[in-house]
């Protein structure tokens, strides 16, 4: 009698749940170890799925289905990002399921950052020396135009 009640209760709970899915029986993916290295060593490596460390190191990540990336940062070097592909092998009756990361170890070769351009100090402007010909020339015969132009007004009467 107890078995009948237990089966009926289990069946009623499954039948009443409209959002039932067989996915609830699947186990969460096991974390995968990722080895992170950089040249030169000592870079801060951060994965797009969360964990990070200072290279060389190993982190444990729950590998997503779509893959992830690792970004390496080191002062005086350009940052580098390396994509990581997740390959899942479903098991069968004789082999267990496995997850493989490509590449593993994840290695980044960091390039030195270009030095910033040197700031030039502005030079003080020196006045141009007057040439001897300009100093010896007589003053202009015609006055400058009233509008501030160096050329005389073409409509002005000619002085003789």
C-alpha atoms as a PDB file:
ATOM      1  CA  UNK A   1       0.000   0.000   0.000  1.00  0.00           C
ATOM      2  CA  UNK A   2       2.808   2.365   0.782  1.00  0.00           C
ATOM      3  CA  UNK A   3       4.279   1.815  -2.673  1.00  0.00           C
ATOM      4  CA  UNK A   4       1.019   2.685  -4.360  1.00  0.00           C
ATOM      5  CA  UNK A   5       0.744   5.918  -2.393  1.00  0.00           C
ATOM      6  CA  UNK A   6       4.355   6.876  -3.128  1.00  0.00           C
ATOM      7  CA  UNK A   7       3.900   6.223  -6.853  1.00  0.00           C
ATOM      8  CA  UNK A   8       0.631   8.144  -6.932  1.00  0.00           C
ATOM      9  CA  UNK A   9       2.157  11.123  -5.130  1.00  0.00           C
ATOM     10  CA  UNK A  10       5.180  11.127  -7.443  1.00  0.00           C
ATOM     11  CA  UNK A  11       2.964  10.883 -10.515  1.00  0.00           C
ATOM     12  CA  UNK A  12       0.694  13.676  -9.291  1.00  0.00           C
ATOM     13  CA  UNK A  13       3.641  15.946  -8.593  1.00  0.00           C
ATOM     14  CA  UNK A  14       5.047  15.362 -12.077  1.00  0.00           C
ATOM     15  CA  UNK A  15       1.686  15.752 -13.773  1.00  0.00           C
ATOM     16  CA  UNK A  16       0.927  18.999 -11.953  1.00  0.00           C
ATOM     17  CA  UNK A  17       4.248  20.564 -12.950  1.00  0.00           C
ATOM     18  CA  UNK A  18       3.856  22.060 -16.408  1.00  0.00           C
ATOM     19  CA  UNK A  19       7.484  23.164 -16.578  1.00  0.00           C
ATOM     20  CA  UNK A  20       8.907  19.679 -16.075  1.00  0.00           C
ATOM     21  CA  UNK A  21      12.009  18.985 -18.071  1.00  0.00           C
ATOM     22  CA  UNK A  22      14.364  16.074 -18.345  1.00  0.00           C
ATOM     23  CA  UNK A  23      17.174  18.615 -18.086  1.00  0.00           C
ATOM     24  CA  UNK A  24      16.614  18.674 -14.343  1.00  0.00           C
ATOM     25  CA  UNK A  25      18.054  15.170 -14.167  1.00  0.00           C
ATOM     26  CA  UNK A  26      21.254  16.149 -15.969  1.00  0.00           C
ATOM     27  CA  UNK A  27      24.200  16.937 -13.772  1.00  0.00           C
ATOM     28  CA  UNK A  28      25.943  20.297 -14.014  1.00  0.00           C
ATOM     29  CA  UNK A  29      29.057  20.233 -16.206  1.00  0.00           C
ATOM     30  CA  UNK A  30      32.140  19.345 -14.258  1.00  0.00           C
ATOM     31  CA  UNK A  31      34.677  22.144 -13.914  1.00  0.00           C
ATOM     32  CA  UNK A  32      37.620  21.961 -16.270  1.00  0.00           C
ATOM     33  CA  UNK A  33      41.213  22.892 -15.422  1.00  0.00           C
ATOM     34  CA  UNK A  34      42.768  25.526 -17.711  1.00  0.00           C
ATOM     35  CA  UNK A  35      46.487  26.200 -17.649  1.00  0.00           C
ATOM     36  CA  UNK A  36      47.358  29.859 -18.387  1.00  0.00           C
ATOM     37  CA  UNK A  37      50.827  30.980 -19.469  1.00  0.00           C
ATOM     38  CA  UNK A  38      52.305  34.161 -20.885  1.00  0.00           C
ATOM     39  CA  UNK A  39      55.604  35.312 -22.333  1.00  0.00           C
ATOM     40  CA  UNK A  40      56.866  37.179 -20.318  1.00  0.00           C
ATOM     41  CA  UNK A  41      55.395  35.541 -17.190  1.00  0.00           C
ATOM     42  CA  UNK A  42      53.640  37.537 -14.491  1.00  0.00           C
ATOM     43  CA  UNK A  43      50.696  38.798 -16.550  1.00  0.00           C
ATOM     44  CA  UNK A  44      47.204  39.083 -15.072  1.00  0.00           C
ATOM     45  CA  UNK A  45      45.042  36.528 -16.902  1.00  0.00           C
ATOM     46  CA  UNK A  46      41.252  36.848 -16.630  1.00  0.00           C
ATOM     47  CA  UNK A  47      38.734  34.495 -18.244  1.00  0.00           C
ATOM     48  CA  UNK A  48      35.466  35.771 -19.687  1.00  0.00           C
ATOM     49  CA  UNK A  49      33.623  33.265 -17.457  1.00  0.00           C
ATOM     50  CA  UNK A  50      35.040  34.689 -14.236  1.00  0.00           C
ATOM     51  CA  UNK A  51      38.178  33.293 -12.625  1.00  0.00           C
ATOM     52  CA  UNK A  52      41.634  34.670 -13.220  1.00  0.00           C
ATOM     53  CA  UNK A  53      45.185  34.540 -11.854  1.00  0.00           C
ATOM     54  CA  UNK A  54      48.773  35.726 -12.391  1.00  0.00           C
ATOM     55  CA  UNK A  55      50.645  33.614 -14.969  1.00  0.00           C
ATOM     56  CA  UNK A  56      51.823  30.884 -14.980  1.00  0.00           C
ATOM     57  CA  UNK A  57      48.836  29.346 -13.196  1.00  0.00           C
ATOM     58  CA  UNK A  58      45.887  26.985 -13.464  1.00  0.00           C
ATOM     59  CA  UNK A  59      42.230  27.906 -12.922  1.00  0.00           C
ATOM     60  CA  UNK A  60      39.098  25.814 -12.718  1.00  0.00           C
ATOM     61  CA  UNK A  61      36.209  26.981 -14.924  1.00  0.00           C
ATOM     62  CA  UNK A  62      32.728  25.686 -15.628  1.00  0.00           C
ATOM     63  CA  UNK A  63      33.119  25.556 -19.411  1.00  0.00           C
ATOM     64  CA  UNK A  64      30.192  27.117 -21.279  1.00  0.00           C
ATOM     65  CA  UNK A  65      28.809  25.546 -24.457  1.00  0.00           C
ATOM     66  CA  UNK A  66      29.916  28.433 -26.672  1.00  0.00           C
ATOM     67  CA  UNK A  67      33.518  28.749 -25.477  1.00  0.00           C
ATOM     68  CA  UNK A  68      35.181  31.677 -23.753  1.00  0.00           C
ATOM     69  CA  UNK A  69      38.228  33.926 -23.950  1.00  0.00           C
ATOM     70  CA  UNK A  70      41.227  34.736 -21.778  1.00  0.00           C
ATOM     71  CA  UNK A  71      42.634  38.286 -21.632  1.00  0.00           C
ATOM     72  CA  UNK A  72      46.245  38.849 -20.546  1.00  0.00           C
ATOM     73  CA  UNK A  73      47.418  42.231 -19.164  1.00  0.00           C
ATOM     74  CA  UNK A  74      50.911  43.270 -18.091  1.00  0.00           C
ATOM     75  CA  UNK A  75      52.200  46.820 -17.527  1.00  0.00           C
ATOM     76  CA  UNK A  76      54.306  48.173 -20.420  1.00  0.00           C
ATOM     77  CA  UNK A  77      52.896  45.471 -22.742  1.00  0.00           C
ATOM     78  CA  UNK A  78      49.930  45.461 -25.096  1.00  0.00           C
ATOM     79  CA  UNK A  79      46.986  43.358 -23.823  1.00  0.00           C
ATOM     80  CA  UNK A  80      46.260  40.092 -25.629  1.00  0.00           C
ATOM     81  CA  UNK A  81      43.048  38.059 -25.837  1.00  0.00           C
ATOM     82  CA  UNK A  82      43.034  34.355 -26.732  1.00  0.00           C
ATOM     83  CA  UNK A  83      39.766  32.575 -27.653  1.00  0.00           C
ATOM     84  CA  UNK A  84      39.204  29.119 -26.168  1.00  0.00           C
ATOM     85  CA  UNK A  85      36.947  26.554 -27.852  1.00  0.00           C
ATOM     86  CA  UNK A  86      35.012  24.032 -25.762  1.00  0.00           C
ATOM     87  CA  UNK A  87      34.603  20.563 -27.326  1.00  0.00           C
ATOM     88  CA  UNK A  88      32.182  18.239 -25.577  1.00  0.00           C
ATOM     89  CA  UNK A  89      32.348  14.530 -26.291  1.00  0.00           C
ATOM     90  CA  UNK A  90      29.138  12.791 -25.220  1.00  0.00           C
ATOM     91  CA  UNK A  91      29.928   9.465 -23.708  1.00  0.00           C
ATOM     92  CA  UNK A  92      28.373   6.163 -24.635  1.00  0.00           C
ATOM     93  CA  UNK A  93      27.942   2.932 -22.738  1.00  0.00           C
ATOM     94  CA  UNK A  94      31.678   2.222 -22.662  1.00  0.00           C
ATOM     95  CA  UNK A  95      33.196   5.700 -22.310  1.00  0.00           C
ATOM     96  CA  UNK A  96      32.236   8.585 -20.041  1.00  0.00           C
ATOM     97  CA  UNK A  97      31.401  12.048 -21.373  1.00  0.00           C
ATOM     98  CA  UNK A  98      34.356  14.440 -21.523  1.00  0.00           C
ATOM     99  CA  UNK A  99      35.063  18.106 -22.135  1.00  0.00           C
ATOM    100  CA  UNK A 100      38.192  19.246 -23.961  1.00  0.00           C
ATOM    101  CA  UNK A 101      39.465  22.824 -24.222  1.00  0.00           C
ATOM    102  CA  UNK A 102      41.369  23.985 -27.297  1.00  0.00           C
ATOM    103  CA  UNK A 103      44.003  25.328 -26.682  1.00  0.00           C
ATOM    104  CA  UNK A 104      45.050  24.036 -23.289  1.00  0.00           C
ATOM    105  CA  UNK A 105      47.451  25.409 -22.086  1.00  0.00           C
ATOM    106  CA  UNK A 106      46.371  28.875 -23.178  1.00  0.00           C
ATOM    107  CA  UNK A 107      49.541  30.801 -24.047  1.00  0.00           C
ATOM    108  CA  UNK A 108      49.823  34.493 -24.945  1.00  0.00           C
ATOM    109  CA  UNK A 109      52.947  36.210 -26.235  1.00  0.00           C
ATOM    110  CA  UNK A 110      52.727  39.813 -25.092  1.00  0.00           C
ATOM    111  CA  UNK A 111      54.286  42.512 -27.271  1.00  0.00           C
ATOM    112  CA  UNK A 112      55.974  45.534 -25.680  1.00  0.00           C
ATOM    113  CA  UNK A 113      53.841  48.660 -25.826  1.00  0.00           C
ATOM    114  CA  UNK A 114      55.151  51.457 -28.021  1.00  0.00           C
ATOM    115  CA  UNK A 115      56.677  54.239 -25.944  1.00  0.00           C
ATOM    116  CA  UNK A 116      54.512  57.330 -25.743  1.00  0.00           C
ATOM    117  CA  UNK A 117      55.624  60.173 -28.016  1.00  0.00           C
ATOM    118  CA  UNK A 118      57.882  62.676 -26.314  1.00  0.00           C
ATOM    119  CA  UNK A 119      56.222  65.961 -25.633  1.00  0.00           C
ATOM    120  CA  UNK A 120      58.088  68.803 -27.270  1.00  0.00           C
ATOM    121  CA  UNK A 121      58.527  72.009 -25.398  1.00  0.00           C
ATOM    122  CA  UNK A 122      57.376  75.009 -27.402  1.00  0.00           C
ATOM    123  CA  UNK A 123      60.248  77.235 -28.423  1.00  0.00           C
ATOM    124  CA  UNK A 124      59.934  80.943 -27.753  1.00  0.00           C
ATOM    125  CA  UNK A 125      59.494  82.901 -30.947  1.00  0.00           C
ATOM    126  CA  UNK A 126      62.277  85.290 -31.770  1.00  0.00           C
ATOM    127  CA  UNK A 127      61.598  88.445 -33.724  1.00  0.00           C
ATOM    128  CA  UNK A 128      63.027  88.352 -37.222  1.00  0.00           C
ATOM    129  CA  UNK A 129      65.920  90.730 -37.690  1.00  0.00           C
ATOM    130  CA  UNK A 130      65.214  93.631 -40.040  1.00  0.00           C
ATOM    131  CA  UNK A 131      67.138  93.404 -43.288  1.00  0.00           C
ATOM    132  CA  UNK A 132      69.369  96.272 -44.349  1.00  0.00           C
ATOM    133  CA  UNK A 133      67.361  96.876 -47.546  1.00  0.00           C
ATOM    134  CA  UNK A 134      64.092  97.249 -45.634  1.00  0.00           C
ATOM    135  CA  UNK A 135      65.662  99.641 -43.169  1.00  0.00           C
ATOM    136  CA  UNK A 136      67.176 101.828 -45.935  1.00  0.00           C
ATOM    137  CA  UNK A 137      64.031 102.006 -48.079  1.00  0.00           C
ATOM    138  CA  UNK A 138      62.181 105.338 -48.054  1.00  0.00           C
ATOM    139  CA  UNK A 139      58.662 105.400 -46.633  1.00  0.00           C
ATOM    140  CA  UNK A 140      55.850 104.570 -49.031  1.00  0.00           C
ATOM    141  CA  UNK A 141      54.785 107.456 -51.219  1.00  0.00           C
ATOM    142  CA  UNK A 142      51.132 106.597 -51.009  1.00  0.00           C
ATOM    143  CA  UNK A 143      49.365 106.258 -47.675  1.00  0.00           C
ATOM    144  CA  UNK A 144      47.865 102.904 -46.721  1.00  0.00           C
ATOM    145  CA  UNK A 145      44.179 102.470 -47.334  1.00  0.00           C
ATOM    146  CA  UNK A 146      41.793 103.402 -44.568  1.00  0.00           C
ATOM    147  CA  UNK A 147      40.527  99.839 -44.283  1.00  0.00           C
ATOM    148  CA  UNK A 148      43.909  98.618 -42.970  1.00  0.00           C
ATOM    149  CA  UNK A 149      45.044  97.086 -46.248  1.00  0.00           C
ATOM    150  CA  UNK A 150      48.635  97.497 -47.405  1.00  0.00           C
ATOM    151  CA  UNK A 151      47.349  98.372 -50.872  1.00  0.00           C
ATOM    152  CA  UNK A 152      46.016 101.811 -51.822  1.00  0.00           C
ATOM    153  CA  UNK A 153      42.393 102.296 -52.706  1.00  0.00           C
ATOM    154  CA  UNK A 154      42.075 102.015 -56.503  1.00  0.00           C
ATOM    155  CA  UNK A 155      39.154 104.490 -56.464  1.00  0.00           C
ATOM    156  CA  UNK A 156      41.096 107.179 -54.610  1.00  0.00           C
ATOM    157  CA  UNK A 157      42.300 110.267 -56.556  1.00  0.00           C
ATOM    158  CA  UNK A 158      45.895 110.022 -57.700  1.00  0.00           C
ATOM    159  CA  UNK A 159      48.321 112.410 -55.982  1.00  0.00           C
ATOM    160  CA  UNK A 160      51.180 113.850 -58.084  1.00  0.00           C
END
